[in-house]
């Protein structure tokens, strides 16, 4: 939780940076360290497999699902995407069925030419649909976004014509960085050896 008035700068790093994974792990470890002990980590990967650019979230979710991790609940994969049509229902389900959720929101976004290919991590929610002028509920206590293409003009067309290679590479990096940070931060306590 952020203190009122304190604005920490989100991390923004190009996916081509040689240390991109290390930087993501460090920032995510820092942000995840504030999770209360009785909270449950929930990862919500927003997007659809029907648009190349907007498939970032479901690709991250599918990558994370391969780990079958006990450390988090996962929503949003290529098989079962979380998108504009079911986002409200998904968030309602989480609030009803997950005790004290701490949510990581993941989504693709559009940005300036120089920022395409950058991954951003920060406090506060992601705002799905903002790039295509849709009013959708904010998602997350913290967020990870990938800038997949240029915004400001014909957004739907731009998302449809985003390079799949870029989206897959960014999704792999995000999933690996997030899973590494989660296992580093939320590692279960090892019981102390008992003396007989």
Protein backbone atom coordinates (compact mmCIF):
# COMPACT_ATOMS: atom_id res chain seq x y z
CA UNK A 1 0.00 0.00 0.00
CA UNK A 2 1.32 3.42 -0.95
CA UNK A 3 1.35 6.26 1.53
CA UNK A 4 -0.72 9.25 0.50
CA UNK A 5 1.44 11.69 -1.37
CA UNK A 6 4.27 9.22 -1.98
CA UNK A 7 4.56 8.40 -5.67
CA UNK A 8 7.21 5.86 -6.44
CA UNK A 9 8.35 5.90 -10.03
CA UNK A 10 7.35 2.77 -11.95
CA UNK A 11 10.17 0.71 -13.40
CA UNK A 12 10.26 0.94 -17.20
CA UNK A 13 12.80 -1.22 -19.02
CA UNK A 14 13.11 -2.33 -22.68
CA UNK A 15 12.71 -6.09 -23.15
CA UNK A 16 16.03 -6.02 -25.05
CA UNK A 17 17.96 -4.71 -22.01
CA UNK A 18 20.55 -7.38 -21.09
CA UNK A 19 19.50 -7.15 -17.42
CA UNK A 20 15.74 -6.90 -17.99
CA UNK A 21 14.91 -10.05 -15.99
CA UNK A 22 17.10 -9.05 -13.05
CA UNK A 23 15.55 -5.58 -12.93
CA UNK A 24 12.02 -7.03 -13.04
CA UNK A 25 12.79 -9.56 -10.31
CA UNK A 26 14.26 -6.85 -8.04
CA UNK A 27 11.32 -4.46 -8.43
CA UNK A 28 8.69 -7.21 -8.14
CA UNK A 29 10.41 -8.69 -5.09
CA UNK A 30 10.30 -5.25 -3.47
CA UNK A 31 6.60 -4.75 -4.31
CA UNK A 32 5.60 -8.28 -3.29
CA UNK A 33 7.41 -7.99 0.05
CA UNK A 34 4.59 -5.73 1.25
CA UNK A 35 1.97 -8.48 0.96
CA UNK A 36 0.41 -9.17 4.37
CA UNK A 37 1.10 -12.67 5.68
CA UNK A 38 -2.60 -13.58 5.61
CA UNK A 39 -3.21 -12.31 2.05
CA UNK A 40 -3.42 -14.54 -1.03
CA UNK A 41 -1.54 -13.57 -4.19
CA UNK A 42 -3.78 -13.41 -7.26
CA UNK A 43 -2.44 -12.82 -10.77
CA UNK A 44 -4.92 -11.48 -13.33
CA UNK A 45 -3.65 -11.49 -16.92
CA UNK A 46 -5.97 -9.33 -19.02
CA UNK A 47 -6.33 -9.60 -22.78
CA UNK A 48 -7.58 -11.74 -25.64
CA UNK A 49 -6.09 -14.30 -27.98
CA UNK A 50 -8.07 -12.74 -30.85
CA UNK A 51 -5.68 -9.79 -31.19
CA UNK A 52 -1.92 -10.16 -31.51
CA UNK A 53 -1.09 -7.09 -29.44
CA UNK A 54 -3.70 -7.79 -26.79
CA UNK A 55 -2.52 -11.40 -26.33
CA UNK A 56 0.30 -10.36 -23.97
CA UNK A 57 -1.72 -11.01 -20.80
CA UNK A 58 -3.05 -14.44 -21.83
CA UNK A 59 0.43 -15.48 -23.00
CA UNK A 60 1.90 -14.52 -19.60
CA UNK A 61 -0.93 -16.44 -17.91
CA UNK A 62 -0.33 -19.54 -20.03
CA UNK A 63 3.41 -19.40 -19.25
CA UNK A 64 2.69 -19.08 -15.52
CA UNK A 65 0.15 -21.92 -15.60
CA UNK A 66 2.92 -24.33 -16.62
CA UNK A 67 4.52 -23.90 -13.18
CA UNK A 68 1.36 -25.16 -11.39
CA UNK A 69 2.45 -23.01 -8.46
CA UNK A 70 0.83 -23.22 -5.02
CA UNK A 71 1.94 -19.61 -4.37
CA UNK A 72 -0.81 -17.86 -6.35
CA UNK A 73 -4.23 -18.00 -7.95
CA UNK A 74 -4.11 -17.38 -11.70
CA UNK A 75 -6.76 -15.88 -13.97
CA UNK A 76 -6.33 -15.23 -17.70
CA UNK A 77 -4.71 -17.74 -20.08
CA UNK A 78 -4.95 -18.40 -23.81
CA UNK A 79 -7.44 -21.17 -23.01
CA UNK A 80 -9.52 -19.08 -20.60
CA UNK A 81 -8.79 -15.39 -21.25
CA UNK A 82 -9.93 -12.52 -19.02
CA UNK A 83 -11.15 -9.75 -21.32
CA UNK A 84 -13.68 -6.90 -21.58
CA UNK A 85 -16.67 -9.29 -21.62
CA UNK A 86 -15.82 -11.20 -18.43
CA UNK A 87 -13.53 -8.88 -16.45
CA UNK A 88 -16.28 -7.69 -14.08
CA UNK A 89 -17.36 -11.28 -13.37
CA UNK A 90 -13.75 -12.37 -12.80
CA UNK A 91 -13.06 -9.57 -10.31
CA UNK A 92 -16.36 -10.33 -8.53
CA UNK A 93 -15.41 -14.03 -8.33
CA UNK A 94 -12.00 -13.13 -6.84
CA UNK A 95 -13.50 -10.81 -4.19
CA UNK A 96 -16.07 -13.48 -3.26
CA UNK A 97 -13.86 -16.59 -3.27
CA UNK A 98 -10.32 -15.44 -2.41
CA UNK A 99 -9.69 -14.33 1.15
CA UNK A 100 -7.75 -11.05 1.31
CA UNK A 101 -6.52 -11.06 -2.31
CA UNK A 102 -3.41 -9.12 -3.27
CA UNK A 103 -3.75 -8.71 -7.02
CA UNK A 104 -1.08 -8.35 -9.70
CA UNK A 105 -2.70 -6.94 -12.86
CA UNK A 106 -0.99 -7.70 -16.17
CA UNK A 107 -1.97 -6.19 -19.52
CA UNK A 108 -0.67 -4.94 -22.85
CA UNK A 109 -0.72 -1.23 -23.55
CA UNK A 110 0.05 1.24 -26.31
CA UNK A 111 2.59 4.03 -25.97
CA UNK A 112 5.04 6.31 -27.74
CA UNK A 113 7.28 4.97 -30.51
CA UNK A 114 10.40 5.10 -28.30
CA UNK A 115 8.67 3.06 -25.57
CA UNK A 116 7.50 0.13 -27.72
CA UNK A 117 8.99 -3.05 -26.29
CA UNK A 118 9.25 -1.65 -22.76
CA UNK A 119 7.95 -3.51 -19.71
CA UNK A 120 6.61 -1.41 -16.82
CA UNK A 121 6.15 -2.45 -13.20
CA UNK A 122 4.60 -0.27 -10.53
CA UNK A 123 2.22 0.19 -7.63
CA UNK A 124 -1.48 0.61 -8.23
CA UNK A 125 -3.80 -0.92 -10.79
CA UNK A 126 -3.58 -1.41 -14.52
CA UNK A 127 -6.44 0.24 -16.44
CA UNK A 128 -7.54 -2.24 -19.11
CA UNK A 129 -9.19 -0.80 -22.19
CA UNK A 130 -7.78 2.70 -21.69
CA UNK A 131 -5.74 2.42 -24.90
CA UNK A 132 -8.88 1.72 -26.94
CA UNK A 133 -11.15 4.12 -25.03
CA UNK A 134 -13.10 1.45 -23.14
CA UNK A 135 -14.37 1.97 -19.59
CA UNK A 136 -13.28 -1.13 -17.67
CA UNK A 137 -12.60 -1.58 -13.96
CA UNK A 138 -9.01 -1.10 -12.76
CA UNK A 139 -7.15 -4.31 -11.89
CA UNK A 140 -4.46 -4.87 -9.29
CA UNK A 141 -2.69 -3.66 -6.19
CA UNK A 142 0.41 -3.63 -8.39
CA UNK A 143 0.68 -3.86 -12.16
CA UNK A 144 2.89 -5.08 -14.98
CA UNK A 145 2.32 -3.73 -18.48
CA UNK A 146 4.04 -4.32 -21.77
CA UNK A 147 4.03 -1.54 -24.37
CA UNK A 148 3.38 -3.58 -27.50
CA UNK A 149 2.80 -0.85 -30.08
CA UNK A 150 2.20 2.84 -30.77
CA UNK A 151 -0.92 4.54 -29.39
CA UNK A 152 -2.93 7.56 -30.46
CA UNK A 153 -4.37 6.49 -33.82
CA UNK A 154 -6.55 3.56 -34.97
CA UNK A 155 -5.81 1.60 -31.78
CA UNK A 156 -7.77 -1.56 -32.69
CA UNK A 157 -5.98 -1.79 -36.04
CA UNK A 158 -2.61 -1.21 -34.35
CA UNK A 159 -3.24 -3.98 -31.80
CA UNK A 160 -4.26 -6.38 -34.59
CA UNK A 161 -1.06 -5.60 -36.48
CA UNK A 162 1.44 -5.98 -33.65
CA UNK A 163 4.33 -8.38 -34.19
CA UNK A 164 3.70 -11.70 -32.46
CA UNK A 165 7.45 -12.18 -31.89
CA UNK A 166 7.60 -9.03 -29.75
CA UNK A 167 4.56 -10.05 -27.70
CA UNK A 168 5.83 -13.61 -27.10
CA UNK A 169 9.30 -12.41 -26.05
CA UNK A 170 7.84 -9.86 -23.63
CA UNK A 171 5.41 -12.44 -22.22
CA UNK A 172 8.25 -14.93 -21.60
CA UNK A 173 10.31 -12.29 -19.78
CA UNK A 174 7.38 -11.10 -17.65
CA UNK A 175 6.34 -14.63 -16.68
CA UNK A 176 9.89 -15.66 -15.77
CA UNK A 177 10.57 -12.47 -13.80
CA UNK A 178 7.28 -12.62 -11.93
CA UNK A 179 7.54 -16.31 -11.08
CA UNK A 180 11.13 -15.85 -9.85
CA UNK A 181 10.09 -12.89 -7.67
CA UNK A 182 7.10 -14.79 -6.27
CA UNK A 183 9.13 -17.86 -5.31
CA UNK A 184 11.85 -15.64 -3.83
CA UNK A 185 9.38 -13.56 -1.79
CA UNK A 186 6.71 -16.07 -0.82
CA UNK A 187 8.91 -19.10 -0.21
CA UNK A 188 7.33 -21.17 2.57
CA UNK A 189 9.20 -21.23 5.87
CA UNK A 190 11.34 -24.34 6.33
CA UNK A 191 10.58 -25.92 9.70
CA UNK A 192 13.50 -25.88 12.11
CA UNK A 193 15.12 -29.26 12.77
CA UNK A 194 13.90 -30.74 16.03
CA UNK A 195 16.30 -32.02 18.64
CA UNK A 196 15.47 -35.37 20.25
